[in-house]
N, C-alpha and C. Protein backbone atom coordinates (compact mmCIF):
# COMPACT_ATOMS: atom_id res chain seq x y z
N MET A 1 39.49 -72.45 14.36
CA MET A 1 38.88 -72.35 13.05
C MET A 1 39.91 -72.73 11.97
N ILE A 2 39.42 -73.35 10.93
CA ILE A 2 40.29 -73.71 9.81
C ILE A 2 40.26 -72.58 8.81
N GLY A 3 41.42 -72.05 8.45
CA GLY A 3 41.52 -70.92 7.52
C GLY A 3 41.94 -71.31 6.13
N SER A 4 42.64 -72.44 6.01
CA SER A 4 43.05 -72.91 4.68
C SER A 4 43.38 -74.40 4.76
N LEU A 5 43.37 -75.02 3.59
CA LEU A 5 43.75 -76.44 3.49
C LEU A 5 44.70 -76.60 2.32
N ARG A 6 45.80 -77.32 2.56
CA ARG A 6 46.71 -77.69 1.49
C ARG A 6 46.84 -79.21 1.56
N GLY A 7 46.50 -79.86 0.47
CA GLY A 7 46.55 -81.31 0.48
C GLY A 7 46.30 -81.89 -0.89
N THR A 8 45.73 -83.09 -0.90
CA THR A 8 45.49 -83.82 -2.14
C THR A 8 44.00 -83.87 -2.42
N PHE A 9 43.64 -83.60 -3.66
CA PHE A 9 42.25 -83.68 -4.10
C PHE A 9 41.89 -85.16 -4.17
N ALA A 10 41.07 -85.63 -3.20
CA ALA A 10 40.81 -87.06 -3.07
C ALA A 10 39.52 -87.52 -3.75
N ALA A 11 38.47 -86.68 -3.76
CA ALA A 11 37.19 -87.14 -4.33
C ALA A 11 36.23 -85.96 -4.50
N ARG A 12 35.22 -86.21 -5.35
CA ARG A 12 34.06 -85.30 -5.48
C ARG A 12 32.85 -86.07 -4.97
N THR A 13 31.96 -85.38 -4.28
CA THR A 13 30.73 -86.03 -3.84
C THR A 13 29.58 -85.60 -4.76
N PRO A 14 28.52 -86.38 -4.81
CA PRO A 14 27.37 -86.00 -5.65
C PRO A 14 26.73 -84.68 -5.22
N GLY A 15 26.91 -84.29 -3.98
CA GLY A 15 26.30 -83.07 -3.46
C GLY A 15 27.08 -81.80 -3.75
N GLY A 16 28.11 -81.87 -4.59
CA GLY A 16 28.88 -80.69 -4.95
C GLY A 16 30.02 -80.37 -3.99
N GLU A 17 30.36 -81.32 -3.16
CA GLU A 17 31.48 -81.12 -2.25
C GLU A 17 32.71 -81.84 -2.79
N VAL A 18 33.87 -81.45 -2.26
CA VAL A 18 35.11 -82.15 -2.59
C VAL A 18 35.73 -82.64 -1.29
N ILE A 19 36.53 -83.69 -1.41
CA ILE A 19 37.28 -84.21 -0.26
C ILE A 19 38.74 -83.84 -0.49
N VAL A 20 39.31 -83.13 0.47
CA VAL A 20 40.72 -82.78 0.43
C VAL A 20 41.41 -83.53 1.56
N GLU A 21 42.37 -84.38 1.19
CA GLU A 21 43.08 -85.16 2.19
C GLU A 21 44.33 -84.41 2.63
N VAL A 22 44.41 -84.20 3.94
CA VAL A 22 45.54 -83.49 4.54
C VAL A 22 46.08 -84.36 5.68
N GLY A 23 47.29 -84.86 5.51
CA GLY A 23 47.92 -85.66 6.56
C GLY A 23 47.10 -86.88 6.96
N GLY A 24 46.46 -87.53 6.00
CA GLY A 24 45.69 -88.73 6.29
C GLY A 24 44.25 -88.48 6.71
N VAL A 25 43.86 -87.22 6.82
CA VAL A 25 42.49 -86.89 7.20
C VAL A 25 41.79 -86.26 6.00
N GLY A 26 40.61 -86.77 5.66
CA GLY A 26 39.85 -86.23 4.54
C GLY A 26 38.86 -85.18 5.02
N TYR A 27 39.01 -83.95 4.53
CA TYR A 27 38.10 -82.86 4.88
C TYR A 27 37.07 -82.70 3.77
N ARG A 28 35.80 -82.74 4.13
CA ARG A 28 34.71 -82.53 3.18
C ARG A 28 34.47 -81.02 3.10
N VAL A 29 34.60 -80.45 1.89
CA VAL A 29 34.54 -79.00 1.71
C VAL A 29 33.54 -78.67 0.60
N SER A 30 32.61 -77.76 0.89
CA SER A 30 31.68 -77.26 -0.12
C SER A 30 32.39 -76.15 -0.88
N VAL A 31 32.32 -76.20 -2.21
CA VAL A 31 33.03 -75.22 -3.04
C VAL A 31 32.10 -74.72 -4.14
N PRO A 32 32.33 -73.47 -4.61
CA PRO A 32 31.57 -72.99 -5.78
C PRO A 32 31.95 -73.80 -7.02
N SER A 33 31.10 -73.77 -8.02
CA SER A 33 31.35 -74.58 -9.21
C SER A 33 32.65 -74.20 -9.91
N GLY A 34 33.03 -72.94 -9.91
CA GLY A 34 34.28 -72.51 -10.54
C GLY A 34 35.50 -73.09 -9.85
N THR A 35 35.46 -73.15 -8.53
CA THR A 35 36.57 -73.73 -7.77
C THR A 35 36.66 -75.23 -8.03
N ALA A 36 35.50 -75.89 -8.06
CA ALA A 36 35.50 -77.34 -8.33
C ALA A 36 36.10 -77.64 -9.69
N ALA A 37 35.77 -76.80 -10.68
CA ALA A 37 36.29 -77.02 -12.04
C ALA A 37 37.79 -76.77 -12.12
N SER A 38 38.31 -75.88 -11.29
CA SER A 38 39.73 -75.53 -11.36
C SER A 38 40.63 -76.46 -10.55
N MET A 39 40.07 -77.43 -9.87
CA MET A 39 40.87 -78.27 -8.97
C MET A 39 41.70 -79.32 -9.69
N GLY A 40 41.43 -79.58 -10.95
CA GLY A 40 42.24 -80.54 -11.69
C GLY A 40 41.77 -81.96 -11.47
N ALA A 41 42.68 -82.89 -11.72
CA ALA A 41 42.36 -84.32 -11.64
C ALA A 41 42.47 -84.82 -10.20
N LEU A 42 41.78 -85.91 -9.92
CA LEU A 42 41.91 -86.54 -8.61
C LEU A 42 43.37 -86.88 -8.36
N GLY A 43 43.83 -86.66 -7.14
CA GLY A 43 45.22 -86.93 -6.79
C GLY A 43 46.13 -85.72 -6.93
N SER A 44 45.62 -84.62 -7.51
CA SER A 44 46.47 -83.43 -7.66
C SER A 44 46.54 -82.65 -6.35
N ASP A 45 47.60 -81.87 -6.21
CA ASP A 45 47.76 -81.02 -5.04
C ASP A 45 46.83 -79.83 -5.15
N VAL A 46 46.18 -79.47 -4.03
CA VAL A 46 45.26 -78.33 -4.02
C VAL A 46 45.52 -77.45 -2.80
N PHE A 47 45.15 -76.20 -2.94
CA PHE A 47 45.16 -75.26 -1.82
C PHE A 47 43.84 -74.52 -1.84
N LEU A 48 43.14 -74.51 -0.73
CA LEU A 48 41.86 -73.81 -0.64
C LEU A 48 41.86 -72.83 0.52
N HIS A 49 41.34 -71.63 0.28
CA HIS A 49 41.05 -70.68 1.35
C HIS A 49 39.72 -71.12 1.93
N VAL A 50 39.64 -71.24 3.26
CA VAL A 50 38.48 -71.87 3.88
C VAL A 50 37.75 -70.91 4.81
N HIS A 51 36.43 -70.99 4.75
CA HIS A 51 35.57 -70.35 5.75
C HIS A 51 34.96 -71.48 6.55
N THR A 52 35.14 -71.47 7.86
CA THR A 52 34.57 -72.48 8.74
C THR A 52 33.24 -71.95 9.28
N HIS A 53 32.16 -72.63 8.95
CA HIS A 53 30.83 -72.19 9.36
C HIS A 53 30.34 -73.12 10.46
N VAL A 54 30.10 -72.56 11.64
CA VAL A 54 29.69 -73.36 12.79
C VAL A 54 28.21 -73.14 13.05
N ARG A 55 27.48 -74.25 13.08
CA ARG A 55 26.05 -74.22 13.42
C ARG A 55 25.84 -75.07 14.66
N GLU A 56 24.62 -75.06 15.16
CA GLU A 56 24.30 -75.89 16.32
C GLU A 56 24.55 -77.36 16.06
N ASP A 57 24.22 -77.80 14.84
CA ASP A 57 24.26 -79.22 14.54
C ASP A 57 25.41 -79.65 13.63
N ALA A 58 26.25 -78.71 13.19
CA ALA A 58 27.32 -79.10 12.26
C ALA A 58 28.40 -78.04 12.18
N ILE A 59 29.57 -78.49 11.76
CA ILE A 59 30.66 -77.59 11.38
C ILE A 59 30.91 -77.87 9.90
N VAL A 60 30.72 -76.84 9.07
CA VAL A 60 30.81 -77.01 7.62
C VAL A 60 31.95 -76.15 7.09
N LEU A 61 32.76 -76.73 6.21
CA LEU A 61 33.86 -76.01 5.58
C LEU A 61 33.45 -75.58 4.17
N TYR A 62 33.74 -74.32 3.85
CA TYR A 62 33.51 -73.79 2.51
C TYR A 62 34.86 -73.37 1.96
N GLY A 63 35.22 -73.88 0.80
CA GLY A 63 36.55 -73.64 0.24
C GLY A 63 36.51 -72.84 -1.04
N PHE A 64 37.57 -72.05 -1.25
CA PHE A 64 37.66 -71.15 -2.41
C PHE A 64 39.07 -71.15 -2.96
N ALA A 65 39.18 -71.09 -4.27
CA ALA A 65 40.49 -71.08 -4.91
C ALA A 65 41.23 -69.77 -4.64
N HIS A 66 40.51 -68.67 -4.47
CA HIS A 66 41.13 -67.36 -4.26
C HIS A 66 40.55 -66.70 -3.02
N ASP A 67 41.39 -65.91 -2.34
CA ASP A 67 40.96 -65.28 -1.10
C ASP A 67 39.86 -64.25 -1.33
N ASP A 68 39.81 -63.59 -2.51
CA ASP A 68 38.74 -62.62 -2.74
C ASP A 68 37.38 -63.32 -2.80
N GLU A 69 37.33 -64.57 -3.24
CA GLU A 69 36.08 -65.33 -3.22
C GLU A 69 35.65 -65.59 -1.79
N ARG A 70 36.59 -65.95 -0.93
CA ARG A 70 36.26 -66.18 0.49
C ARG A 70 35.74 -64.90 1.13
N ARG A 71 36.39 -63.77 0.83
CA ARG A 71 35.94 -62.48 1.41
C ARG A 71 34.53 -62.13 0.91
N CYS A 72 34.24 -62.37 -0.36
CA CYS A 72 32.90 -62.12 -0.90
C CYS A 72 31.87 -63.03 -0.23
N PHE A 73 32.25 -64.30 -0.03
CA PHE A 73 31.36 -65.25 0.64
C PHE A 73 31.01 -64.74 2.04
N GLU A 74 32.01 -64.27 2.78
CA GLU A 74 31.76 -63.78 4.13
C GLU A 74 30.94 -62.50 4.12
N ALA A 75 31.15 -61.64 3.11
CA ALA A 75 30.32 -60.43 2.98
C ALA A 75 28.87 -60.82 2.69
N LEU A 76 28.67 -61.81 1.84
CA LEU A 76 27.32 -62.28 1.54
C LEU A 76 26.65 -62.85 2.78
N LEU A 77 27.40 -63.60 3.59
CA LEU A 77 26.83 -64.16 4.82
C LEU A 77 26.36 -63.06 5.77
N GLY A 78 27.03 -61.92 5.73
CA GLY A 78 26.65 -60.80 6.60
C GLY A 78 25.43 -60.05 6.11
N ALA A 79 24.99 -60.32 4.90
CA ALA A 79 23.81 -59.64 4.35
C ALA A 79 22.54 -60.28 4.92
N HIS A 80 21.53 -59.47 5.06
CA HIS A 80 20.25 -59.89 5.64
C HIS A 80 19.63 -61.03 4.82
N GLY A 81 19.30 -62.14 5.47
CA GLY A 81 18.59 -63.23 4.83
C GLY A 81 19.43 -64.14 3.95
N VAL A 82 20.75 -64.03 4.01
CA VAL A 82 21.61 -64.87 3.16
C VAL A 82 22.32 -65.90 4.03
N GLY A 83 22.12 -67.16 3.68
CA GLY A 83 22.81 -68.24 4.35
C GLY A 83 23.93 -68.77 3.48
N PRO A 84 24.65 -69.76 3.97
CA PRO A 84 25.77 -70.30 3.21
C PRO A 84 25.39 -70.87 1.85
N SER A 85 24.25 -71.53 1.76
CA SER A 85 23.85 -72.13 0.47
C SER A 85 23.63 -71.06 -0.59
N LEU A 86 22.93 -69.98 -0.22
CA LEU A 86 22.68 -68.91 -1.18
C LEU A 86 23.97 -68.17 -1.52
N ALA A 87 24.83 -67.94 -0.52
CA ALA A 87 26.11 -67.27 -0.77
C ALA A 87 26.95 -68.10 -1.74
N LEU A 88 26.94 -69.42 -1.57
CA LEU A 88 27.69 -70.30 -2.47
C LEU A 88 27.09 -70.28 -3.88
N ALA A 89 25.76 -70.22 -3.96
CA ALA A 89 25.10 -70.14 -5.27
C ALA A 89 25.47 -68.86 -5.99
N VAL A 90 25.55 -67.75 -5.25
CA VAL A 90 25.93 -66.46 -5.86
C VAL A 90 27.34 -66.56 -6.42
N LEU A 91 28.26 -67.13 -5.63
CA LEU A 91 29.65 -67.22 -6.09
C LEU A 91 29.85 -68.31 -7.14
N SER A 92 28.91 -69.23 -7.28
CA SER A 92 28.97 -70.19 -8.37
C SER A 92 28.55 -69.53 -9.68
N ALA A 93 27.67 -68.53 -9.58
CA ALA A 93 27.17 -67.86 -10.77
C ALA A 93 27.96 -66.60 -11.13
N LEU A 94 28.52 -65.92 -10.13
CA LEU A 94 29.21 -64.64 -10.36
C LEU A 94 30.60 -64.65 -9.74
N SER A 95 31.57 -64.13 -10.48
CA SER A 95 32.90 -63.96 -9.91
C SER A 95 32.86 -62.79 -8.93
N PRO A 96 33.84 -62.66 -8.04
CA PRO A 96 33.87 -61.50 -7.16
C PRO A 96 33.84 -60.17 -7.93
N ALA A 97 34.52 -60.10 -9.07
CA ALA A 97 34.52 -58.87 -9.88
C ALA A 97 33.13 -58.58 -10.44
N ALA A 98 32.44 -59.63 -10.93
CA ALA A 98 31.09 -59.44 -11.48
C ALA A 98 30.11 -59.04 -10.38
N LEU A 99 30.27 -59.62 -9.20
CA LEU A 99 29.40 -59.26 -8.07
C LEU A 99 29.63 -57.81 -7.67
N SER A 100 30.90 -57.39 -7.58
CA SER A 100 31.21 -56.00 -7.23
C SER A 100 30.66 -55.03 -8.26
N THR A 101 30.78 -55.38 -9.53
CA THR A 101 30.26 -54.52 -10.60
C THR A 101 28.74 -54.40 -10.49
N ALA A 102 28.07 -55.52 -10.24
CA ALA A 102 26.61 -55.49 -10.10
C ALA A 102 26.19 -54.60 -8.94
N VAL A 103 26.92 -54.68 -7.83
CA VAL A 103 26.58 -53.85 -6.66
C VAL A 103 26.85 -52.38 -6.95
N LEU A 104 27.99 -52.08 -7.56
CA LEU A 104 28.31 -50.68 -7.89
C LEU A 104 27.29 -50.06 -8.83
N GLU A 105 26.79 -50.85 -9.77
CA GLU A 105 25.87 -50.34 -10.79
C GLU A 105 24.40 -50.56 -10.42
N ASP A 106 24.14 -51.00 -9.19
CA ASP A 106 22.77 -51.30 -8.75
C ASP A 106 22.05 -52.19 -9.75
N ASP A 107 22.73 -53.23 -10.22
CA ASP A 107 22.22 -54.12 -11.25
C ASP A 107 21.51 -55.32 -10.61
N ALA A 108 20.25 -55.15 -10.29
CA ALA A 108 19.47 -56.23 -9.67
C ALA A 108 19.25 -57.38 -10.63
N GLU A 109 19.19 -57.10 -11.93
CA GLU A 109 18.95 -58.15 -12.92
C GLU A 109 20.04 -59.22 -12.88
N THR A 110 21.29 -58.78 -12.73
CA THR A 110 22.40 -59.74 -12.66
C THR A 110 22.24 -60.65 -11.45
N LEU A 111 21.86 -60.07 -10.31
CA LEU A 111 21.67 -60.87 -9.10
C LEU A 111 20.47 -61.78 -9.24
N CYS A 112 19.42 -61.34 -9.92
CA CYS A 112 18.22 -62.17 -10.10
C CYS A 112 18.49 -63.38 -10.99
N ALA A 113 19.58 -63.36 -11.75
CA ALA A 113 19.93 -64.50 -12.60
C ALA A 113 20.46 -65.67 -11.77
N VAL A 114 20.81 -65.42 -10.51
CA VAL A 114 21.31 -66.47 -9.63
C VAL A 114 20.12 -67.28 -9.12
N PRO A 115 20.15 -68.61 -9.24
CA PRO A 115 19.05 -69.43 -8.71
C PRO A 115 18.86 -69.17 -7.22
N GLY A 116 17.61 -68.89 -6.84
CA GLY A 116 17.30 -68.64 -5.43
C GLY A 116 17.27 -67.17 -5.06
N VAL A 117 17.64 -66.28 -5.99
CA VAL A 117 17.61 -64.85 -5.71
C VAL A 117 16.46 -64.22 -6.49
N GLY A 118 15.48 -63.71 -5.75
CA GLY A 118 14.36 -63.01 -6.35
C GLY A 118 14.59 -61.51 -6.30
N ARG A 119 13.58 -60.77 -6.71
CA ARG A 119 13.70 -59.30 -6.77
C ARG A 119 13.95 -58.69 -5.39
N LYS A 120 13.23 -59.14 -4.39
CA LYS A 120 13.39 -58.56 -3.05
C LYS A 120 14.77 -58.87 -2.48
N THR A 121 15.21 -60.11 -2.66
CA THR A 121 16.53 -60.49 -2.16
C THR A 121 17.61 -59.71 -2.89
N ALA A 122 17.47 -59.55 -4.20
CA ALA A 122 18.45 -58.79 -4.99
C ALA A 122 18.52 -57.35 -4.51
N ALA A 123 17.37 -56.73 -4.26
CA ALA A 123 17.35 -55.34 -3.79
C ALA A 123 18.03 -55.22 -2.43
N ARG A 124 17.76 -56.17 -1.56
CA ARG A 124 18.38 -56.15 -0.22
C ARG A 124 19.88 -56.37 -0.33
N LEU A 125 20.31 -57.29 -1.20
CA LEU A 125 21.74 -57.53 -1.39
C LEU A 125 22.45 -56.28 -1.89
N LEU A 126 21.84 -55.58 -2.83
CA LEU A 126 22.46 -54.35 -3.36
C LEU A 126 22.69 -53.35 -2.24
N ILE A 127 21.75 -53.24 -1.34
CA ILE A 127 21.89 -52.30 -0.22
C ILE A 127 22.93 -52.80 0.77
N ASP A 128 22.80 -54.06 1.19
CA ASP A 128 23.70 -54.61 2.22
C ASP A 128 25.15 -54.72 1.76
N LEU A 129 25.37 -55.11 0.50
CA LEU A 129 26.73 -55.37 0.04
C LEU A 129 27.53 -54.11 -0.26
N LYS A 130 26.87 -52.97 -0.45
CA LYS A 130 27.62 -51.73 -0.70
C LYS A 130 28.58 -51.43 0.44
N SER A 131 28.17 -51.70 1.66
CA SER A 131 29.04 -51.42 2.80
C SER A 131 29.94 -52.60 3.16
N ARG A 132 29.60 -53.78 2.70
CA ARG A 132 30.35 -54.97 3.09
C ARG A 132 31.47 -55.36 2.13
N LEU A 133 31.25 -55.11 0.84
CA LEU A 133 32.29 -55.46 -0.14
C LEU A 133 33.34 -54.38 -0.20
N ASP A 134 34.54 -54.75 -0.56
CA ASP A 134 35.63 -53.79 -0.70
C ASP A 134 35.53 -53.16 -2.08
N LEU A 135 34.62 -52.17 -2.20
CA LEU A 135 34.37 -51.53 -3.49
C LEU A 135 35.27 -50.32 -3.66
N PRO A 136 35.65 -50.00 -4.90
CA PRO A 136 36.46 -48.82 -5.12
C PRO A 136 35.70 -47.57 -4.70
N GLU A 137 36.43 -46.64 -4.14
CA GLU A 137 35.81 -45.39 -3.69
C GLU A 137 35.43 -44.53 -4.88
N LEU A 138 34.28 -43.88 -4.76
CA LEU A 138 33.87 -42.92 -5.77
C LEU A 138 34.43 -41.56 -5.36
N SER A 139 34.68 -40.71 -6.33
CA SER A 139 35.30 -39.43 -5.98
C SER A 139 34.32 -38.29 -6.08
N GLY A 140 34.61 -37.24 -5.34
CA GLY A 140 33.90 -35.97 -5.44
C GLY A 140 32.41 -36.08 -5.26
N THR A 141 31.66 -35.36 -6.13
CA THR A 141 30.22 -35.32 -5.99
C THR A 141 29.59 -36.66 -6.31
N ALA A 142 30.24 -37.48 -7.11
CA ALA A 142 29.68 -38.79 -7.41
C ALA A 142 29.53 -39.62 -6.15
N ALA A 143 30.49 -39.47 -5.22
CA ALA A 143 30.40 -40.23 -3.98
C ALA A 143 29.21 -39.77 -3.18
N GLY A 144 29.00 -38.48 -3.07
CA GLY A 144 27.87 -37.96 -2.32
C GLY A 144 26.56 -38.36 -2.97
N ALA A 145 26.49 -38.27 -4.28
CA ALA A 145 25.27 -38.63 -4.99
C ALA A 145 25.01 -40.13 -4.85
N GLY A 146 26.07 -40.92 -4.97
CA GLY A 146 25.90 -42.37 -4.84
C GLY A 146 25.41 -42.75 -3.47
N SER A 147 26.00 -42.17 -2.42
CA SER A 147 25.57 -42.52 -1.07
C SER A 147 24.18 -41.97 -0.79
N ALA A 148 23.82 -40.81 -1.36
CA ALA A 148 22.47 -40.28 -1.19
C ALA A 148 21.45 -41.23 -1.81
N ARG A 149 21.77 -41.75 -2.98
CA ARG A 149 20.87 -42.71 -3.64
C ARG A 149 20.74 -43.99 -2.83
N VAL A 150 21.87 -44.48 -2.32
CA VAL A 150 21.85 -45.70 -1.52
C VAL A 150 20.98 -45.50 -0.29
N GLU A 151 21.15 -44.36 0.40
CA GLU A 151 20.35 -44.08 1.59
C GLU A 151 18.88 -43.93 1.24
N ALA A 152 18.58 -43.26 0.12
CA ALA A 152 17.19 -43.09 -0.30
C ALA A 152 16.57 -44.44 -0.64
N ARG A 153 17.33 -45.30 -1.34
CA ARG A 153 16.82 -46.64 -1.66
C ARG A 153 16.51 -47.42 -0.39
N ALA A 154 17.43 -47.36 0.58
CA ALA A 154 17.23 -48.09 1.83
C ALA A 154 16.01 -47.56 2.58
N ALA A 155 15.85 -46.25 2.62
CA ALA A 155 14.71 -45.66 3.32
C ALA A 155 13.39 -46.06 2.65
N LEU A 156 13.34 -46.04 1.34
CA LEU A 156 12.12 -46.43 0.62
C LEU A 156 11.82 -47.91 0.80
N ALA A 157 12.87 -48.73 0.83
CA ALA A 157 12.68 -50.16 1.06
C ALA A 157 12.11 -50.40 2.47
N GLU A 158 12.61 -49.65 3.44
CA GLU A 158 12.11 -49.77 4.82
C GLU A 158 10.65 -49.34 4.91
N LEU A 159 10.24 -48.42 4.04
CA LEU A 159 8.85 -47.98 4.01
C LEU A 159 7.94 -48.99 3.31
N GLY A 160 8.53 -50.03 2.74
CA GLY A 160 7.75 -51.10 2.14
C GLY A 160 7.62 -51.05 0.63
N TYR A 161 8.31 -50.13 -0.01
CA TYR A 161 8.24 -50.07 -1.47
C TYR A 161 9.13 -51.15 -2.07
N GLY A 162 8.70 -51.70 -3.21
CA GLY A 162 9.44 -52.74 -3.89
C GLY A 162 10.54 -52.17 -4.77
N PRO A 163 11.47 -53.05 -5.23
CA PRO A 163 12.61 -52.60 -6.04
C PRO A 163 12.20 -51.85 -7.31
N GLU A 164 11.14 -52.34 -7.98
CA GLU A 164 10.70 -51.67 -9.22
C GLU A 164 10.14 -50.29 -8.92
N GLU A 165 9.36 -50.18 -7.84
CA GLU A 165 8.81 -48.88 -7.46
C GLU A 165 9.94 -47.92 -7.11
N ILE A 166 10.92 -48.41 -6.36
CA ILE A 166 12.04 -47.56 -5.95
C ILE A 166 12.85 -47.12 -7.17
N ARG A 167 13.13 -48.06 -8.07
CA ARG A 167 13.90 -47.72 -9.26
C ARG A 167 13.17 -46.66 -10.08
N GLY A 168 11.87 -46.84 -10.27
CA GLY A 168 11.08 -45.87 -11.03
C GLY A 168 11.03 -44.50 -10.38
N ALA A 169 10.95 -44.48 -9.04
CA ALA A 169 10.86 -43.21 -8.33
C ALA A 169 12.18 -42.45 -8.32
N LEU A 170 13.30 -43.16 -8.38
CA LEU A 170 14.61 -42.49 -8.33
C LEU A 170 15.22 -42.27 -9.72
N GLU A 171 14.64 -42.92 -10.71
CA GLU A 171 15.18 -42.81 -12.06
C GLU A 171 15.06 -41.38 -12.59
N GLY A 172 16.14 -40.90 -13.18
CA GLY A 172 16.13 -39.57 -13.80
C GLY A 172 16.31 -38.42 -12.82
N ARG A 173 16.49 -38.71 -11.56
CA ARG A 173 16.69 -37.63 -10.57
C ARG A 173 18.09 -37.05 -10.71
N ARG A 174 18.22 -35.78 -10.42
CA ARG A 174 19.52 -35.11 -10.49
C ARG A 174 20.49 -35.77 -9.51
N GLU A 175 21.76 -35.77 -9.90
CA GLU A 175 22.80 -36.43 -9.09
C GLU A 175 23.33 -35.55 -7.96
N ASP A 176 23.00 -34.27 -7.97
CA ASP A 176 23.61 -33.36 -6.99
C ASP A 176 22.67 -32.99 -5.85
N VAL A 177 21.60 -33.77 -5.63
CA VAL A 177 20.67 -33.46 -4.54
C VAL A 177 20.95 -34.39 -3.36
N GLY A 178 20.55 -33.94 -2.18
CA GLY A 178 20.77 -34.71 -0.97
C GLY A 178 19.70 -35.77 -0.76
N VAL A 179 19.87 -36.54 0.31
CA VAL A 179 18.96 -37.63 0.63
C VAL A 179 17.54 -37.12 0.85
N GLU A 180 17.42 -36.05 1.63
CA GLU A 180 16.09 -35.53 1.96
C GLU A 180 15.34 -35.12 0.69
N GLU A 181 16.03 -34.41 -0.21
CA GLU A 181 15.39 -33.98 -1.45
C GLU A 181 15.03 -35.17 -2.32
N LEU A 182 15.92 -36.15 -2.42
CA LEU A 182 15.62 -37.37 -3.19
C LEU A 182 14.38 -38.08 -2.64
N LEU A 183 14.31 -38.21 -1.31
CA LEU A 183 13.16 -38.87 -0.69
C LEU A 183 11.88 -38.08 -0.93
N ARG A 184 11.94 -36.77 -0.79
CA ARG A 184 10.76 -35.93 -0.99
C ARG A 184 10.22 -36.11 -2.41
N LEU A 185 11.12 -36.02 -3.40
CA LEU A 185 10.71 -36.17 -4.80
C LEU A 185 10.19 -37.58 -5.09
N ALA A 186 10.88 -38.58 -4.55
CA ALA A 186 10.47 -39.97 -4.80
C ALA A 186 9.12 -40.26 -4.17
N LEU A 187 8.90 -39.81 -2.94
CA LEU A 187 7.63 -40.04 -2.27
C LEU A 187 6.49 -39.32 -2.98
N ARG A 188 6.75 -38.11 -3.47
CA ARG A 188 5.73 -37.38 -4.23
C ARG A 188 5.38 -38.17 -5.50
N ASP A 189 6.40 -38.69 -6.17
CA ASP A 189 6.18 -39.47 -7.39
C ASP A 189 5.40 -40.75 -7.09
N LEU A 190 5.77 -41.44 -6.02
CA LEU A 190 5.10 -42.69 -5.66
C LEU A 190 3.64 -42.44 -5.24
N ALA A 191 3.38 -41.32 -4.56
CA ALA A 191 2.02 -41.00 -4.14
C ALA A 191 1.11 -40.70 -5.32
N SER A 192 1.68 -40.15 -6.38
CA SER A 192 0.87 -39.77 -7.54
C SER A 192 0.53 -40.97 -8.45
N ARG A 193 1.15 -42.11 -8.21
CA ARG A 193 0.90 -43.28 -9.07
C ARG A 193 -0.38 -43.99 -8.71
């Protein structure tokens, strides 16, 4: 597997890829828009952190200016229903810090601003990425309350409720209750609607 490339920025393709020449070999690499913009002029020296994606019909390289972008890309690939194109679109629209903030704050609206991410995908990403991204630890009761909310959200999503229904059912609930109590209250609220 290719983990990084150091070479010369040789070309841009119309499809949003760049060609990095290393030792006489040109590697075609898909990059987020921020990385493409930071590469400088043609002929300049570049270094990219690379994720090698192997499919049945192709081996595709994805390159990133910073290692935290590569780690976020790989975390996104591990999320349910996210392929390389969508992961690249997310990182073209959001920096790793903005993505982490959105996940910590359960901000589906920020994720919905990414082309190709709808409400259901955003809700699933918020759930999946909490465990995959290297997020700062919450302390004390906030950690318990946060994980109780995450578990309650996941359980309600598995029951078929949509992100708006889940948000409405959990909104305003006390922070010091457990998962079971949160689910009981949320289900009672959802049944009464």
